[in-house]
C-alpha atoms as a PDB file:
ATOM      1  CA  MET A   1      43.218  -6.599 -74.796  1.00  0.00           C
ATOM      2  CA  ALA A   2      43.717  -6.033 -78.487  1.00  0.00           C
ATOM      3  CA  GLY A   3      41.733  -3.205 -80.015  1.00  0.00           C
ATOM      4  CA  THR A   4      40.727  -1.494 -76.777  1.00  0.00           C
ATOM      5  CA  GLY A   5      43.556   1.018 -76.417  1.00  0.00           C
ATOM      6  CA  GLU A   6      43.995   4.541 -77.704  1.00  0.00           C
ATOM      7  CA  THR A   7      44.880   4.960 -81.368  1.00  0.00           C
ATOM      8  CA  LYS A   8      47.587   7.280 -82.573  1.00  0.00           C
ATOM      9  CA  ARG A   9      45.928   7.836 -85.950  1.00  0.00           C
ATOM     10  CA  PRO A  10      42.376   9.083 -86.429  1.00  0.00           C
ATOM     11  CA  SER A  11      39.977   6.555 -87.864  1.00  0.00           C
ATOM     12  CA  THR A  12      36.752   7.018 -89.746  1.00  0.00           C
ATOM     13  CA  LEU A  13      33.720   4.771 -89.761  1.00  0.00           C
ATOM     14  CA  THR A  14      32.234   4.568 -93.226  1.00  0.00           C
ATOM     15  CA  PRO A  15      28.603   3.495 -93.652  1.00  0.00           C
ATOM     16  CA  LEU A  16      28.339   0.710 -96.194  1.00  0.00           C
ATOM     17  CA  PRO A  17      25.205  -0.701 -97.783  1.00  0.00           C
ATOM     18  CA  VAL A  18      23.969  -3.822 -96.059  1.00  0.00           C
ATOM     19  CA  ARG A  19      21.649  -6.364 -97.555  1.00  0.00           C
ATOM     20  CA  ARG A  20      19.893  -8.902 -95.418  1.00  0.00           C
ATOM     21  CA  ARG A  21      17.564 -11.622 -96.518  1.00  0.00           C
ATOM     22  CA  THR A  22      15.559 -13.686 -94.107  1.00  0.00           C
ATOM     23  CA  VAL A  23      14.277 -17.023 -95.310  1.00  0.00           C
ATOM     24  CA  VAL A  24      11.496 -18.830 -93.504  1.00  0.00           C
ATOM     25  CA  ALA A  25      11.801 -22.592 -93.649  1.00  0.00           C
ATOM     26  CA  TYR A  26       8.757 -24.816 -93.600  1.00  0.00           C
ATOM     27  CA  ARG A  27       7.778 -28.214 -94.923  1.00  0.00           C
ATOM     28  CA  ARG A  28       6.707 -28.631 -98.506  1.00  0.00           C
ATOM     29  CA  GLY A  29       3.082 -27.629 -98.911  1.00  0.00           C
ATOM     30  CA  ALA A  30       2.875 -25.791 -95.586  1.00  0.00           C
ATOM     31  CA  GLY A  31       3.364 -22.354 -97.119  1.00  0.00           C
ATOM     32  CA  ARG A  32      -0.377 -21.882 -97.509  1.00  0.00           C
ATOM     33  CA  HIS A  33      -1.138 -22.890 -93.929  1.00  0.00           C
ATOM     34  CA  PRO A  34      -2.774 -19.974 -92.046  1.00  0.00           C
ATOM     35  CA  ALA A  35      -0.256 -20.153 -89.178  1.00  0.00           C
ATOM     36  CA  VAL A  36       2.723 -20.054 -91.559  1.00  0.00           C
ATOM     37  CA  GLU A  37       1.220 -17.184 -93.550  1.00  0.00           C
ATOM     38  CA  ALA A  38       0.520 -15.269 -90.316  1.00  0.00           C
ATOM     39  CA  ALA A  39       4.075 -15.798 -89.071  1.00  0.00           C
ATOM     40  CA  VAL A  40       5.598 -14.585 -92.356  1.00  0.00           C
ATOM     41  CA  MET A  41       3.303 -11.543 -92.408  1.00  0.00           C
ATOM     42  CA  ALA A  42       4.234 -10.709 -88.791  1.00  0.00           C
ATOM     43  CA  LEU A  43       7.941 -10.922 -89.600  1.00  0.00           C
ATOM     44  CA  ARG A  44       7.529  -8.643 -92.606  1.00  0.00           C
ATOM     45  CA  ALA A  45       5.470  -6.166 -90.572  1.00  0.00           C
ATOM     46  CA  ALA A  46       8.211  -5.995 -87.917  1.00  0.00           C
ATOM     47  CA  VAL A  47      10.753  -4.575 -90.400  1.00  0.00           C
ATOM     48  CA  PRO A  48      10.566  -0.805 -90.939  1.00  0.00           C
ATOM     49  CA  GLN A  49       9.522  -0.043 -94.511  1.00  0.00           C
ATOM     50  CA  GLU A  50      12.728   1.870 -95.321  1.00  0.00           C
ATOM     51  CA  LEU A  51      14.754  -1.231 -94.451  1.00  0.00           C
ATOM     52  CA  ALA A  52      12.481  -3.728 -96.181  1.00  0.00           C
ATOM     53  CA  HIS A  53      13.954  -3.084 -99.622  1.00  0.00           C
ATOM     54  CA  GLY A  54      17.516  -2.219 -98.686  1.00  0.00           C
ATOM     55  CA  ARG A  55      16.928   1.531 -98.485  1.00  0.00           C
ATOM     56  CA  VAL A  56      18.683   2.794 -95.394  1.00  0.00           C
ATOM     57  CA  PRO A  57      18.189   6.417 -94.350  1.00  0.00           C
ATOM     58  CA  PRO A  58      21.390   8.488 -94.467  1.00  0.00           C
ATOM     59  CA  SER A  59      23.421   8.724 -91.289  1.00  0.00           C
ATOM     60  CA  PRO A  60      23.814  12.101 -89.599  1.00  0.00           C
ATOM     61  CA  PRO A  61      27.119  13.866 -90.243  1.00  0.00           C
ATOM     62  CA  PRO A  62      29.915  13.047 -87.797  1.00  0.00           C
ATOM     63  CA  ALA A  63      30.345  15.263 -84.752  1.00  0.00           C
ATOM     64  CA  PRO A  64      33.156  17.817 -84.990  1.00  0.00           C
ATOM     65  CA  ARG A  65      36.431  16.746 -83.443  1.00  0.00           C
ATOM     66  CA  ARG A  66      37.654  18.502 -80.342  1.00  0.00           C
END
């Protein structure tokens, strides 16, 4: 399989900023419906606050190579 073997050169994973937007679709005028408002609020509450606005906590430093 490609990509599953040993590499001859060391590689480094670099954390990159990620931005995700979730859009809730509903029919025109339904945005004020209590069930729609509750669903949107529940989705927002499920996202940790540090991720809600694109702020990702720093990753720990890489483990030393052996």
